[in-house]
C-alpha atoms as a PDB file:
ATOM      1  CA  MET A   1      88.274  77.202 114.011  1.00  0.00           C
ATOM      2  CA  ASN A   2      91.476  78.839 115.232  1.00  0.00           C
ATOM      3  CA  VAL A   3      90.973  81.074 118.291  1.00  0.00           C
ATOM      4  CA  THR A   4      94.083  83.156 117.541  1.00  0.00           C
ATOM      5  CA  SER A   5      92.869  83.746 113.996  1.00  0.00           C
ATOM      6  CA  VAL A   6      89.365  84.704 115.193  1.00  0.00           C
ATOM      7  CA  ILE A   7      90.836  87.183 117.696  1.00  0.00           C
ATOM      8  CA  SER A   8      93.120  88.644 115.019  1.00  0.00           C
ATOM      9  CA  VAL A   9      90.262  89.003 112.527  1.00  0.00           C
ATOM     10  CA  SER A  10      87.997  90.463 115.216  1.00  0.00           C
ATOM     11  CA  LEU A  11      90.550  93.097 116.216  1.00  0.00           C
ATOM     12  CA  VAL A  12      91.281  94.121 112.622  1.00  0.00           C
ATOM     13  CA  LEU A  13      87.569  94.390 111.824  1.00  0.00           C
ATOM     14  CA  PHE A  14      86.879  96.244 115.081  1.00  0.00           C
ATOM     15  CA  THR A  15      89.479  98.823 114.130  1.00  0.00           C
ATOM     16  CA  VAL A  16      88.305  99.156 110.519  1.00  0.00           C
ATOM     17  CA  ILE A  17      84.578  99.200 111.294  1.00  0.00           C
ATOM     18  CA  ASP A  18      85.447 101.644 114.077  1.00  0.00           C
ATOM     19  CA  ILE A  19      82.118 101.727 115.888  1.00  0.00           C
ATOM     20  CA  ILE A  20      83.789 103.675 118.706  1.00  0.00           C
ATOM     21  CA  GLY A  21      85.136 106.304 116.300  1.00  0.00           C
ATOM     22  CA  THR A  22      81.766 106.470 114.569  1.00  0.00           C
ATOM     23  CA  LEU A  23      79.934 106.899 117.852  1.00  0.00           C
ATOM     24  CA  PRO A  24      80.179 110.721 117.836  1.00  0.00           C
ATOM     25  CA  ILE A  25      78.685 110.741 114.310  1.00  0.00           C
ATOM     26  CA  ILE A  26      75.854 108.420 115.338  1.00  0.00           C
ATOM     27  CA  ILE A  27      75.115 110.410 118.508  1.00  0.00           C
ATOM     28  CA  ASP A  28      75.050 113.628 116.472  1.00  0.00           C
ATOM     29  CA  MET A  29      72.704 112.059 113.884  1.00  0.00           C
ATOM     30  CA  LYS A  30      70.325 110.986 116.650  1.00  0.00           C
ATOM     31  CA  LYS A  31      70.398 114.460 118.180  1.00  0.00           C
ATOM     32  CA  GLN A  32      69.427 115.832 114.737  1.00  0.00           C
ATOM     33  CA  GLY A  33      66.372 113.560 114.642  1.00  0.00           C
ATOM     34  CA  THR A  34      67.593 110.594 112.609  1.00  0.00           C
ATOM     35  CA  VAL A  35      65.934 107.366 113.730  1.00  0.00           C
ATOM     36  CA  ILE A  36      68.373 104.467 114.071  1.00  0.00           C
ATOM     37  CA  ASN A  37      67.106 100.932 114.595  1.00  0.00           C
ATOM     38  CA  ALA A  38      69.995  98.941 116.073  1.00  0.00           C
ATOM     39  CA  LEU A  39      68.692  95.561 114.898  1.00  0.00           C
ATOM     40  CA  SER A  40      68.030  96.714 111.313  1.00  0.00           C
ATOM     41  CA  ALA A  41      71.426  98.395 111.017  1.00  0.00           C
ATOM     42  CA  THR A  42      73.254  95.388 112.450  1.00  0.00           C
ATOM     43  CA  PHE A  43      71.371  92.919 110.248  1.00  0.00           C
ATOM     44  CA  ALA A  44      71.965  94.995 107.101  1.00  0.00           C
ATOM     45  CA  ALA A  45      75.683  95.319 107.903  1.00  0.00           C
ATOM     46  CA  ALA A  46      75.865  91.535 108.463  1.00  0.00           C
ATOM     47  CA  LEU A  47      74.168  90.840 105.147  1.00  0.00           C
ATOM     48  CA  ILE A  48      76.509  93.189 103.280  1.00  0.00           C
ATOM     49  CA  MET A  49      79.694  91.866 104.919  1.00  0.00           C
ATOM     50  CA  ILE A  50      78.938  88.162 104.640  1.00  0.00           C
ATOM     51  CA  SER A  51      77.637  88.494 101.069  1.00  0.00           C
ATOM     52  CA  PHE A  52      80.759  90.374 100.047  1.00  0.00           C
ATOM     53  CA  LEU A  53      82.992  87.830 101.773  1.00  0.00           C
ATOM     54  CA  PHE A  54      81.612  85.075  99.541  1.00  0.00           C
ATOM     55  CA  PHE A  55      80.532  86.896  96.381  1.00  0.00           C
ATOM     56  CA  GLY A  56      82.771  89.992  96.369  1.00  0.00           C
ATOM     57  CA  PRO A  57      85.565  88.506  94.255  1.00  0.00           C
ATOM     58  CA  ALA A  58      83.052  87.201  91.690  1.00  0.00           C
ATOM     59  CA  MET A  59      81.305  90.589  91.525  1.00  0.00           C
ATOM     60  CA  LEU A  60      84.621  92.361  91.081  1.00  0.00           C
ATOM     61  CA  GLY A  61      85.675  89.844  88.434  1.00  0.00           C
ATOM     62  CA  PHE A  62      82.427  90.393  86.567  1.00  0.00           C
ATOM     63  CA  LEU A  63      83.167  94.125  86.561  1.00  0.00           C
ATOM     64  CA  GLY A  64      86.762  93.513  85.476  1.00  0.00           C
ATOM     65  CA  ILE A  65      88.252  94.885  88.687  1.00  0.00           C
ATOM     66  CA  GLU A  66      91.203  93.075  90.241  1.00  0.00           C
ATOM     67  CA  ILE A  67      91.070  92.400  93.975  1.00  0.00           C
ATOM     68  CA  GLY A  68      94.385  94.248  94.409  1.00  0.00           C
ATOM     69  CA  SER A  69      92.948  97.355  92.738  1.00  0.00           C
ATOM     70  CA  PHE A  70      89.851  97.202  94.929  1.00  0.00           C
ATOM     71  CA  ALA A  71      92.071  96.784  97.980  1.00  0.00           C
ATOM     72  CA  MET A  72      94.158  99.800  96.963  1.00  0.00           C
ATOM     73  CA  ALA A  73      90.987 101.879  96.477  1.00  0.00           C
ATOM     74  CA  GLY A  74      89.716 100.701  99.851  1.00  0.00           C
ATOM     75  CA  SER A  75      93.010 101.586 101.516  1.00  0.00           C
ATOM     76  CA  LEU A  76      92.708 105.107 100.096  1.00  0.00           C
ATOM     77  CA  ILE A  77      89.197 105.378 101.564  1.00  0.00           C
ATOM     78  CA  LEU A  78      90.469 104.054 104.907  1.00  0.00           C
ATOM     79  CA  PHE A  79      93.279 106.602 104.834  1.00  0.00           C
ATOM     80  CA  LEU A  80      90.823 109.437 104.172  1.00  0.00           C
ATOM     81  CA  ILE A  81      88.454 108.235 106.904  1.00  0.00           C
ATOM     82  CA  GLY A  82      91.424 108.060 109.278  1.00  0.00           C
ATOM     83  CA  LEU A  83      92.347 111.627 108.343  1.00  0.00           C
ATOM     84  CA  GLU A  84      88.745 112.702 108.958  1.00  0.00           C
ATOM     85  CA  MET A  85      88.868 111.163 112.399  1.00  0.00           C
ATOM     86  CA  LEU A  86      92.291 112.539 113.249  1.00  0.00           C
ATOM     87  CA  LEU A  87      91.911 116.059 111.867  1.00  0.00           C
ATOM     88  CA  GLY A  88      88.185 116.552 112.400  1.00  0.00           C
ATOM     89  CA  ILE A  89      87.503 117.496 108.769  1.00  0.00           C
ATOM     90  CA  ARG A  90      84.742 115.901 106.695  1.00  0.00           C
ATOM     91  CA  PHE A  91      85.575 114.526 103.255  1.00  0.00           C
ATOM     92  CA  PHE A  92      82.416 112.417 103.056  1.00  0.00           C
ATOM     93  CA  ARG A  93      79.055 114.016 103.681  1.00  0.00           C
ATOM     94  CA  ASP A  94      75.713 112.265 103.901  1.00  0.00           C
ATOM     95  CA  LYS A  95      72.567 114.373 103.769  1.00  0.00           C
ATOM     96  CA  HIS A  96      69.610 113.109 105.732  1.00  0.00           C
ATOM     97  CA  GLU A  97      66.348 114.707 106.716  1.00  0.00           C
ATOM     98  CA  ASN A  98      65.147 115.065 110.287  1.00  0.00           C
ATOM     99  CA  GLY A  99      63.105 112.069 111.366  1.00  0.00           C
ATOM    100  CA  SER A 100      64.388 109.923 108.517  1.00  0.00           C
ATOM    101  CA  SER A 101      65.719 106.462 109.120  1.00  0.00           C
ATOM    102  CA  GLY A 102      69.481 106.175 109.072  1.00  0.00           C
ATOM    103  CA  SER A 103      69.634 102.471 109.933  1.00  0.00           C
ATOM    104  CA  ILE A 104      70.592 101.218 106.477  1.00  0.00           C
ATOM    105  CA  VAL A 105      72.135 104.324 104.901  1.00  0.00           C
ATOM    106  CA  PRO A 106      74.439 105.743 106.246  1.00  0.00           C
ATOM    107  CA  ILE A 107      74.813 103.510 109.345  1.00  0.00           C
ATOM    108  CA  ALA A 108      74.928  99.973 107.876  1.00  0.00           C
ATOM    109  CA  PHE A 109      76.473 101.248 104.646  1.00  0.00           C
ATOM    110  CA  PRO A 110      78.914 102.996 104.415  1.00  0.00           C
ATOM    111  CA  LEU A 111      79.723 103.619 108.107  1.00  0.00           C
ATOM    112  CA  LEU A 112      79.795  99.976 109.258  1.00  0.00           C
ATOM    113  CA  ALA A 113      80.122  97.940 106.068  1.00  0.00           C
ATOM    114  CA  GLY A 114      81.825 100.459 103.836  1.00  0.00           C
ATOM    115  CA  VAL A 115      84.537 100.103 101.245  1.00  0.00           C
ATOM    116  CA  GLY A 116      87.215  99.881 103.929  1.00  0.00           C
ATOM    117  CA  THR A 117      85.461  97.014 105.703  1.00  0.00           C
ATOM    118  CA  LEU A 118      84.737  95.177 102.447  1.00  0.00           C
ATOM    119  CA  THR A 119      88.311  95.570 101.259  1.00  0.00           C
ATOM    120  CA  THR A 120      89.580  94.379 104.609  1.00  0.00           C
ATOM    121  CA  LEU A 121      87.377  91.279 104.353  1.00  0.00           C
ATOM    122  CA  LEU A 122      89.004  90.414 101.013  1.00  0.00           C
ATOM    123  CA  SER A 123      92.451  90.983 102.478  1.00  0.00           C
ATOM    124  CA  LEU A 124      91.635  88.836 105.508  1.00  0.00           C
ATOM    125  CA  LYS A 125      90.401  86.052 103.230  1.00  0.00           C
ATOM    126  CA  ILE A 126      93.950  85.627 101.946  1.00  0.00           C
ATOM    127  CA  GLU A 127      95.304  84.788 105.409  1.00  0.00           C
ATOM    128  CA  HIS A 128      92.310  83.374 107.328  1.00  0.00           C
ATOM    129  CA  SER A 129      89.595  80.783 106.745  1.00  0.00           C
ATOM    130  CA  SER A 130      86.042  81.911 105.989  1.00  0.00           C
ATOM    131  CA  ASN A 131      84.819  80.368 109.267  1.00  0.00           C
ATOM    132  CA  ASN A 132      87.284  82.452 111.281  1.00  0.00           C
ATOM    133  CA  ILE A 133      86.305  85.593 109.374  1.00  0.00           C
ATOM    134  CA  ILE A 134      82.582  84.934 109.907  1.00  0.00           C
ATOM    135  CA  ALA A 135      83.250  84.427 113.629  1.00  0.00           C
ATOM    136  CA  GLY A 136      85.131  87.763 113.683  1.00  0.00           C
ATOM    137  CA  ILE A 137      82.259  89.449 111.836  1.00  0.00           C
ATOM    138  CA  LEU A 138      79.705  88.045 114.301  1.00  0.00           C
ATOM    139  CA  ILE A 139      81.742  89.171 117.314  1.00  0.00           C
ATOM    140  CA  ASN A 140      81.912  92.671 115.851  1.00  0.00           C
ATOM    141  CA  LEU A 141      78.199  92.673 114.990  1.00  0.00           C
ATOM    142  CA  PHE A 142      77.378  91.791 118.598  1.00  0.00           C
ATOM    143  CA  ILE A 143      79.496  94.725 119.823  1.00  0.00           C
ATOM    144  CA  ILE A 144      77.947  97.007 117.187  1.00  0.00           C
ATOM    145  CA  TYR A 145      74.428  96.025 118.223  1.00  0.00           C
ATOM    146  CA  ILE A 146      75.150  96.689 121.914  1.00  0.00           C
ATOM    147  CA  ILE A 147      76.698 100.078 121.126  1.00  0.00           C
ATOM    148  CA  LEU A 148      73.887 101.100 118.751  1.00  0.00           C
ATOM    149  CA  ARG A 149      71.320 100.139 121.410  1.00  0.00           C
ATOM    150  CA  SER A 150      73.240 102.236 123.958  1.00  0.00           C
ATOM    151  CA  THR A 151      73.864 105.411 121.925  1.00  0.00           C
ATOM    152  CA  ASP A 152      71.362 107.521 123.862  1.00  0.00           C
ATOM    153  CA  TRP A 153      72.867 106.464 127.196  1.00  0.00           C
ATOM    154  CA  LEU A 154      76.442 106.807 125.891  1.00  0.00           C
ATOM    155  CA  GLY A 155      75.665 110.260 124.491  1.00  0.00           C
ATOM    156  CA  GLU A 156      74.624 111.373 127.986  1.00  0.00           C
ATOM    157  CA  LYS A 157      77.466 109.687 129.897  1.00  0.00           C
ATOM    158  CA  LEU A 158      80.558 110.183 127.737  1.00  0.00           C
ATOM    159  CA  PRO A 159      82.111 113.621 127.810  1.00  0.00           C
ATOM    160  CA  PRO A 160      82.793 115.160 124.396  1.00  0.00           C
ATOM    161  CA  ALA A 161      86.541 115.182 125.143  1.00  0.00           C
ATOM    162  CA  ALA A 162      86.530 111.391 125.655  1.00  0.00           C
ATOM    163  CA  LEU A 163      84.658 110.819 122.387  1.00  0.00           C
ATOM    164  CA  ASN A 164      87.075 113.122 120.590  1.00  0.00           C
ATOM    165  CA  THR A 165      90.133 111.328 122.020  1.00  0.00           C
ATOM    166  CA  LEU A 166      88.762 107.895 121.050  1.00  0.00           C
ATOM    167  CA  ARG A 167      88.069 109.160 117.561  1.00  0.00           C
ATOM    168  CA  LYS A 168      91.654 110.431 117.141  1.00  0.00           C
ATOM    169  CA  VAL A 169      93.243 107.222 118.470  1.00  0.00           C
ATOM    170  CA  PHE A 170      91.180 105.085 116.101  1.00  0.00           C
ATOM    171  CA  GLY A 171      91.982 107.523 113.287  1.00  0.00           C
ATOM    172  CA  ILE A 172      95.704 106.908 113.732  1.00  0.00           C
ATOM    173  CA  ILE A 173      95.151 103.146 113.846  1.00  0.00           C
ATOM    174  CA  LEU A 174      93.030 103.335 110.676  1.00  0.00           C
ATOM    175  CA  ILE A 175      95.738 105.298 108.844  1.00  0.00           C
ATOM    176  CA  ALA A 176      98.303 102.665 109.883  1.00  0.00           C
ATOM    177  CA  ILE A 177      96.041  99.865 108.586  1.00  0.00           C
ATOM    178  CA  ALA A 178      95.589 101.747 105.286  1.00  0.00           C
ATOM    179  CA  ILE A 179      99.347 102.128 104.864  1.00  0.00           C
ATOM    180  CA  GLN A 180      99.853  98.438 105.676  1.00  0.00           C
ATOM    181  CA  MET A 181      97.232  97.482 103.072  1.00  0.00           C
ATOM    182  CA  VAL A 182      99.034  99.552 100.440  1.00  0.00           C
ATOM    183  CA  ARG A 183     102.350  97.923 101.340  1.00  0.00           C
ATOM    184  CA  ASP A 184     100.779  94.447 101.148  1.00  0.00           C
ATOM    185  CA  ASN A 185      99.206  95.108  97.741  1.00  0.00           C
ATOM    186  CA  VAL A 186     102.139  96.839  96.025  1.00  0.00           C
END
């Protein structure tokens, strides 16, 4: 296991998963009555990410989709999510009823382990070993779990302006990652 590679993978995944940028969405969902179980959401996201890391290329091959095409589609989604975060407009809307569970959908998928994350995992697989990627995933899942467990406290302590600023900064970073992915796959 290469520590530099694990740190690199962890940082890329942290930016793409963007739990900090998603925090305002999660806090708002909880305020609207959506029940979020941190352990269930984290476990489901782990299952999706690790399964896709190993079986994603085979699933895409079975469907006749090239990895490059999937990566390009994922980069478009990342770009749009980055624009959402930066401009404050919603392209993607998830309807949920008050009191419903949001642990699996939309938290685990597509907010945490969405197309952008899955595409990034395939891109990372080109440059990094599976062990380093799994270590990066686990580091991110630990952070995600802690943040999901702390959303009520964070919602009370963080001023809306701070959440908004974090969201915009991560939006710009996400747009830059999307553009880099397009450049790498062209």
